[in-house]
Amino acid sequence: MSDTALNAGDVRETPIVFPCDGDSLVGIVHRPKNPLEYGLVTIVAGGPQYRAGVGRGMVNTARFLADRGVAVLRFDYRGLGDSGGDFLGFEHIAQDIEAAVSLLQREVPEVKKVVLWGGCDAASGAMIHSWKIPGAKSLVLGNPWVTTHETHAAAMKQHYLSRLREPSFWRKLFRLDYDLLAYARAGLKKAGLRVARIVRSPSDEAANVGADNFVDSMLAGLERYEGPVLFLVSGQSVASREFDELINQDERWRAACGRPLHKRVDFPAADQTFSDKNSRERVNQTILDWILELTR
């Protein structure tokens, strides 16, 4: 553990570097004075994110939980933030998560069990890999990323149909706030892509087989995972609509998500990242309540 640490009341925040398959990962351990037996590891979403999360949301959550006795590790997996190695995407972060879980339990020995928390494709990665990580005893998943051609099309149709019922849509339309020409060009482009898929040769199709296989891996991982799972679902997110569409369409998904140990909490006013203050506070409290329930 580094000698450099920040003290906030009874919580100690310590920067740390730890190994993962020959590379170095960077994280921050939030250690309460009297940690509970359940700790939490945050997993960042892919792309231009790192351990501070979307708009410092992960920092806010970690400090909220640590102030209430939950030890937390925020870390960058390989290829993101300050960590070394190549960025391979959420489909390939099993070793990173396992290294993080082990690190938290080593640095905070009071932590016997670990909850994994992540949104979007971090939730997807947790679903794929957690069944094979011994210390990961529970999952908290925000708006899992399940985008395929079918779910995206269905979600967007639902989104635009709902917009037709909103007065704000018609006010903007009559004020000419929408660039109808741009929408028309985008529609023609999509139509062209559909035609291209229709006339594509079998060899071209073969090259694209497996593009959506990560969704199958998510389902297989969730089915094999034996711990309790908390789903946090936003009402103002296209990704969450796609997730619901997938559940509605597929009996195996419905069964996997509806198991007795699993729970779902909806946030009707929240966006994909729970970015507004009220949604963030509700998410933090919901995660804390979940962890406290696990400890009983």
Protein backbone atom coordinates (compact mmCIF):
# COMPACT_ATOMS: atom_id res chain seq x y z
CA MET A 1 0.00 0.00 0.00
CA SER A 2 1.21 3.48 -0.81
CA ASP A 3 2.36 5.75 2.02
CA THR A 4 0.31 8.54 0.44
CA ALA A 5 -3.27 8.59 1.61
CA LEU A 6 -6.10 11.06 1.92
CA ASN A 7 -8.10 11.11 5.14
CA ALA A 8 -11.76 12.10 5.13
CA GLY A 9 -13.15 11.62 8.61
CA ASP A 10 -12.91 7.93 9.40
CA VAL A 11 -12.27 6.97 5.75
CA ARG A 12 -8.80 6.57 4.31
CA GLU A 13 -8.39 6.95 0.51
CA THR A 14 -5.20 5.33 -0.75
CA PRO A 15 -3.81 5.30 -4.32
CA ILE A 16 -2.46 1.89 -5.25
CA VAL A 17 -0.80 0.07 -8.15
CA PHE A 18 -1.31 -3.68 -8.48
CA PRO A 19 -0.44 -6.36 -11.06
CA CYS A 20 -2.64 -8.02 -13.66
CA ASP A 21 -1.12 -10.56 -16.04
CA GLY A 22 2.15 -8.65 -16.42
CA ASP A 23 0.58 -5.19 -16.56
CA SER A 24 0.02 -2.61 -13.81
CA LEU A 25 -3.45 -1.47 -12.78
CA VAL A 26 -4.08 1.79 -10.91
CA GLY A 27 -6.80 2.28 -8.34
CA ILE A 28 -8.00 4.02 -5.20
CA VAL A 29 -8.93 2.07 -2.07
CA HIS A 30 -11.57 3.68 0.17
CA ARG A 31 -11.06 2.11 3.61
CA PRO A 32 -13.55 2.91 6.41
CA LYS A 33 -12.41 2.74 10.01
CA ASN A 34 -14.70 -0.25 10.67
CA PRO A 35 -15.36 -1.98 7.32
CA LEU A 36 -18.33 -4.27 6.77
CA GLU A 37 -17.75 -7.83 5.55
CA TYR A 38 -19.05 -6.80 2.11
CA GLY A 39 -16.93 -4.47 0.01
CA LEU A 40 -17.52 -3.06 -3.45
CA VAL A 41 -15.44 -2.93 -6.62
CA THR A 42 -16.47 -0.46 -9.31
CA ILE A 43 -15.99 -1.36 -12.97
CA VAL A 44 -15.75 1.53 -15.41
CA ALA A 45 -17.54 1.53 -18.74
CA GLY A 46 -15.36 1.31 -21.84
CA GLY A 47 -14.33 4.16 -24.08
CA PRO A 48 -13.06 7.46 -22.62
CA GLN A 49 -13.82 6.56 -19.00
CA TYR A 50 -11.62 5.91 -15.99
CA ARG A 51 -11.97 5.27 -12.26
CA ALA A 52 -13.53 8.68 -11.56
CA GLY A 53 -16.45 7.55 -13.69
CA VAL A 54 -19.07 9.54 -15.51
CA GLY A 55 -18.96 13.05 -14.11
CA ARG A 56 -17.18 11.76 -10.97
CA GLY A 57 -20.18 9.59 -10.25
CA MET A 58 -17.99 6.71 -9.11
CA VAL A 59 -16.11 8.98 -6.72
CA ASN A 60 -19.40 10.17 -5.26
CA THR A 61 -20.70 6.63 -4.85
CA ALA A 62 -17.45 5.35 -3.33
CA ARG A 63 -17.31 8.13 -0.75
CA PHE A 64 -20.98 7.77 0.10
CA LEU A 65 -20.59 4.03 0.74
CA ALA A 66 -17.25 4.31 2.53
CA ASP A 67 -18.69 6.91 4.92
CA ARG A 68 -21.21 4.21 5.88
CA GLY A 69 -18.76 1.37 6.38
CA VAL A 70 -18.43 -0.15 2.90
CA ALA A 71 -14.85 -0.49 1.64
CA VAL A 72 -14.59 0.38 -2.06
CA LEU A 73 -11.99 -0.06 -4.78
CA ARG A 74 -12.16 2.16 -7.84
CA PHE A 75 -9.70 1.06 -10.52
CA ASP A 76 -8.82 1.34 -14.19
CA TYR A 77 -8.68 -1.92 -16.07
CA ARG A 78 -6.04 -2.52 -18.72
CA GLY A 79 -5.83 0.11 -21.43
CA LEU A 80 -8.02 2.66 -19.59
CA GLY A 81 -7.07 5.64 -17.46
CA ASP A 82 -3.66 5.30 -15.83
CA SER A 83 -3.43 1.51 -16.09
CA GLY A 84 -1.02 -0.19 -18.46
CA GLY A 85 -1.66 -2.82 -21.11
CA ASP A 86 -3.85 -2.88 -24.19
CA PHE A 87 -7.53 -2.00 -24.20
CA LEU A 88 -9.34 -5.20 -25.17
CA GLY A 89 -12.90 -4.24 -24.30
CA PHE A 90 -15.37 -5.47 -21.71
CA GLU A 91 -15.48 -8.95 -23.24
CA HIS A 92 -11.93 -9.55 -21.98
CA ILE A 93 -11.71 -8.12 -18.44
CA ALA A 94 -12.06 -11.26 -16.32
CA GLN A 95 -8.44 -11.11 -15.14
CA ASP A 96 -8.75 -7.40 -14.36
CA ILE A 97 -11.85 -7.91 -12.22
CA GLU A 98 -10.32 -10.89 -10.43
CA ALA A 99 -7.15 -8.92 -9.68
CA ALA A 100 -9.26 -6.03 -8.32
CA VAL A 101 -11.39 -8.28 -6.11
CA SER A 102 -8.28 -9.95 -4.69
CA LEU A 103 -6.62 -6.58 -4.13
CA LEU A 104 -9.57 -5.19 -2.15
CA GLN A 105 -9.72 -8.27 0.06
CA ARG A 106 -5.97 -8.16 0.61
CA GLU A 107 -5.86 -4.46 1.46
CA VAL A 108 -9.01 -4.58 3.61
CA PRO A 109 -8.92 -8.01 5.28
CA GLU A 110 -12.29 -7.41 6.93
CA VAL A 111 -13.88 -7.70 3.48
CA LYS A 112 -14.86 -11.33 3.00
CA LYS A 113 -17.24 -10.86 0.08
CA VAL A 114 -17.26 -8.40 -2.82
CA VAL A 115 -20.07 -6.73 -4.76
CA LEU A 116 -19.32 -5.66 -8.33
CA TRP A 117 -20.94 -2.43 -9.54
CA GLY A 118 -20.94 -1.21 -13.12
CA GLY A 119 -23.20 0.39 -15.70
CA CYS A 120 -23.57 0.06 -19.47
CA ASP A 121 -20.87 -2.24 -20.91
CA ALA A 122 -19.26 -2.54 -17.45
CA ALA A 123 -22.48 -4.27 -16.39
CA SER A 124 -22.22 -6.42 -19.51
CA GLY A 125 -18.65 -7.39 -18.63
CA ALA A 126 -19.67 -8.26 -15.07
CA MET A 127 -22.44 -10.51 -16.39
CA ILE A 128 -20.05 -12.30 -18.73
CA HIS A 129 -17.25 -12.94 -16.25
CA SER A 130 -18.44 -12.88 -12.62
CA TRP A 131 -19.44 -16.54 -12.40
CA LYS A 132 -15.75 -17.53 -12.61
CA ILE A 133 -14.47 -15.01 -10.01
CA PRO A 134 -14.62 -16.64 -6.55
CA GLY A 135 -14.78 -13.43 -4.48
CA ALA A 136 -17.56 -11.78 -6.50
CA LYS A 137 -20.58 -12.67 -4.37
CA SER A 138 -23.11 -10.16 -5.72
CA LEU A 139 -23.64 -7.88 -8.72
CA VAL A 140 -25.21 -4.44 -9.10
CA LEU A 141 -25.86 -3.76 -12.78
CA GLY A 142 -26.98 -0.44 -14.24
CA ASN A 143 -28.63 -0.44 -17.68
CA PRO A 144 -26.65 -3.36 -19.15
CA TRP A 145 -25.45 -2.85 -22.72
CA VAL A 146 -27.19 -5.38 -25.00
CA THR A 147 -27.38 -3.45 -28.26
CA THR A 148 -28.06 -5.53 -31.37
CA HIS A 149 -29.68 -4.52 -34.67
CA GLU A 150 -33.02 -5.93 -33.47
CA THR A 151 -33.11 -4.46 -29.98
CA HIS A 152 -31.91 -1.04 -31.15
CA ALA A 153 -34.57 -0.83 -33.86
CA ALA A 154 -37.31 -1.84 -31.43
CA ALA A 155 -36.13 0.57 -28.75
CA MET A 156 -35.91 3.50 -31.14
CA LYS A 157 -39.40 2.77 -32.47
CA GLN A 158 -40.74 2.81 -28.90
CA HIS A 159 -38.83 6.02 -28.17
CA TYR A 160 -40.22 7.92 -31.15
CA LEU A 161 -43.76 6.64 -30.65
CA SER A 162 -43.67 7.92 -27.08
CA ARG A 163 -42.36 11.29 -28.30
CA LEU A 164 -45.46 11.70 -30.48
CA ARG A 165 -47.54 11.83 -27.29
CA GLU A 166 -45.48 14.64 -25.77
CA PRO A 167 -46.60 18.28 -26.30
CA SER A 168 -42.96 19.42 -26.32
CA PHE A 169 -42.35 17.40 -29.48
CA TRP A 170 -45.14 19.17 -31.37
CA ARG A 171 -44.08 22.59 -30.10
CA LYS A 172 -40.55 22.02 -31.39
CA LEU A 173 -41.90 20.70 -34.67
CA PHE A 174 -44.10 23.76 -35.28
CA ARG A 175 -41.25 26.10 -34.30
CA LEU A 176 -39.09 24.35 -36.92
CA ASP A 177 -36.55 23.44 -34.24
CA TYR A 178 -35.92 20.11 -35.95
CA ASP A 179 -33.64 19.82 -38.96
CA LEU A 180 -36.04 17.77 -41.08
CA LEU A 181 -33.66 17.71 -44.04
CA ALA A 182 -30.95 16.14 -41.91
CA TYR A 183 -33.39 13.54 -40.60
CA ALA A 184 -34.42 12.76 -44.18
CA ARG A 185 -30.78 12.29 -45.21
CA ALA A 186 -30.20 10.02 -42.21
CA GLY A 187 -33.28 7.98 -43.12
CA LEU A 188 -32.09 7.54 -46.70
CA LYS A 189 -28.68 6.47 -45.43
CA LYS A 190 -30.25 3.82 -43.18
CA ALA A 191 -32.41 2.62 -46.06
CA GLY A 192 -29.30 2.29 -48.19
CA LEU A 193 -27.60 0.22 -45.50
CA ARG A 194 -30.63 -2.08 -45.32
CA VAL A 195 -30.51 -2.58 -49.09
CA ALA A 196 -26.77 -3.28 -48.87
CA ARG A 197 -27.40 -5.96 -46.26
CA ILE A 198 -30.02 -7.56 -48.47
CA VAL A 199 -27.73 -7.80 -51.49
CA ARG A 200 -24.60 -8.66 -49.50
CA SER A 201 -22.91 -11.86 -50.64
CA PRO A 202 -22.79 -14.95 -48.38
CA SER A 203 -19.06 -14.44 -47.86
CA ASP A 204 -19.70 -10.91 -46.59
CA GLU A 205 -22.35 -12.23 -44.19
CA ALA A 206 -19.95 -14.84 -42.86
CA ALA A 207 -17.46 -12.11 -42.02
CA ASN A 208 -20.04 -10.47 -39.74
CA VAL A 209 -21.19 -13.58 -37.92
CA GLY A 210 -20.66 -13.22 -34.16
CA ALA A 211 -21.00 -9.43 -34.00
CA ASP A 212 -23.67 -9.78 -31.31
CA ASN A 213 -22.25 -12.85 -29.56
CA PHE A 214 -21.39 -10.83 -26.45
CA VAL A 215 -25.13 -10.77 -25.64
CA ASP A 216 -25.19 -14.58 -25.70
CA SER A 217 -22.13 -14.57 -23.42
CA MET A 218 -23.92 -12.23 -21.03
CA LEU A 219 -26.90 -14.57 -20.83
CA ALA A 220 -24.71 -17.63 -20.36
CA GLY A 221 -22.72 -15.87 -17.63
CA LEU A 222 -25.84 -14.69 -15.82
CA GLU A 223 -27.31 -18.19 -15.94
CA ARG A 224 -24.13 -19.63 -14.40
CA TYR A 225 -23.79 -16.94 -11.75
CA GLU A 226 -25.16 -18.13 -8.39
CA GLY A 227 -25.13 -14.91 -6.36
CA PRO A 228 -27.83 -12.25 -5.92
CA VAL A 229 -28.09 -9.57 -8.60
CA LEU A 230 -29.55 -6.07 -8.40
CA PHE A 231 -30.61 -4.45 -11.69
CA LEU A 232 -30.85 -0.65 -11.75
CA VAL A 233 -32.85 0.47 -14.79
CA SER A 234 -33.28 4.05 -16.05
CA GLY A 235 -36.49 5.27 -17.61
CA GLN A 236 -34.84 7.80 -19.93
CA SER A 237 -32.24 5.59 -21.59
CA VAL A 238 -32.35 3.94 -25.00
CA ALA A 239 -29.97 1.27 -23.66
CA SER A 240 -32.41 0.39 -20.88
CA ARG A 241 -35.23 0.15 -23.44
CA GLU A 242 -33.09 -2.25 -25.46
CA PHE A 243 -32.48 -4.31 -22.33
CA ASP A 244 -36.22 -4.49 -21.66
CA GLU A 245 -36.89 -5.34 -25.30
CA LEU A 246 -34.47 -8.25 -25.09
CA ILE A 247 -36.12 -9.53 -21.91
CA ASN A 248 -39.56 -9.22 -23.49
CA GLN A 249 -38.48 -11.09 -26.60
CA ASP A 250 -36.50 -13.93 -25.05
CA GLU A 251 -37.82 -16.45 -22.53
CA ARG A 252 -34.32 -17.45 -21.38
CA TRP A 253 -33.50 -13.82 -20.59
CA ARG A 254 -36.75 -13.42 -18.67
CA ALA A 255 -35.99 -16.52 -16.63
CA ALA A 256 -32.39 -15.50 -15.94
CA CYS A 257 -33.32 -11.98 -14.82
CA GLY A 258 -36.35 -13.12 -12.83
CA ARG A 259 -34.64 -15.62 -10.54
CA PRO A 260 -35.59 -15.41 -6.82
CA LEU A 261 -32.23 -13.93 -5.74
CA HIS A 262 -32.47 -11.14 -8.30
CA LYS A 263 -34.12 -7.77 -7.82
CA ARG A 264 -34.88 -4.83 -10.08
CA VAL A 265 -35.26 -1.16 -9.13
CA ASP A 266 -36.51 1.34 -11.73
CA PHE A 267 -35.58 5.02 -11.90
CA PRO A 268 -38.18 6.55 -14.26
CA ALA A 269 -36.59 10.02 -14.44
CA ALA A 270 -32.97 8.89 -14.73
CA ASP A 271 -30.78 8.92 -17.83
CA GLN A 272 -28.29 6.22 -18.83
CA THR A 273 -25.63 7.29 -16.32
CA PHE A 274 -27.94 8.44 -13.47
CA SER A 275 -26.28 11.82 -13.90
CA ASP A 276 -28.74 14.16 -12.16
CA LYS A 277 -28.37 14.74 -8.43
CA ASN A 278 -31.61 13.06 -7.40
CA SER A 279 -30.94 9.93 -9.44
CA ARG A 280 -27.37 9.69 -8.18
CA GLU A 281 -28.51 9.97 -4.56
CA ARG A 282 -31.18 7.32 -5.09
CA VAL A 283 -28.69 4.98 -6.74
CA ASN A 284 -26.21 5.42 -3.89
CA GLN A 285 -28.86 4.72 -1.28
CA THR A 286 -30.20 1.74 -3.22
CA ILE A 287 -26.73 0.18 -3.46
CA LEU A 288 -26.15 0.78 0.27
CA ASP A 289 -29.51 -0.79 1.16
CA TRP A 290 -28.66 -3.80 -1.04
CA ILE A 291 -25.31 -4.31 0.69
CA LEU A 292 -26.80 -3.93 4.17
CA GLU A 293 -29.44 -6.49 3.26
CA LEU A 294 -26.72 -8.89 2.12
CA THR A 295 -24.99 -8.60 5.47
CA ARG A 296 -28.08 -9.64 7.43
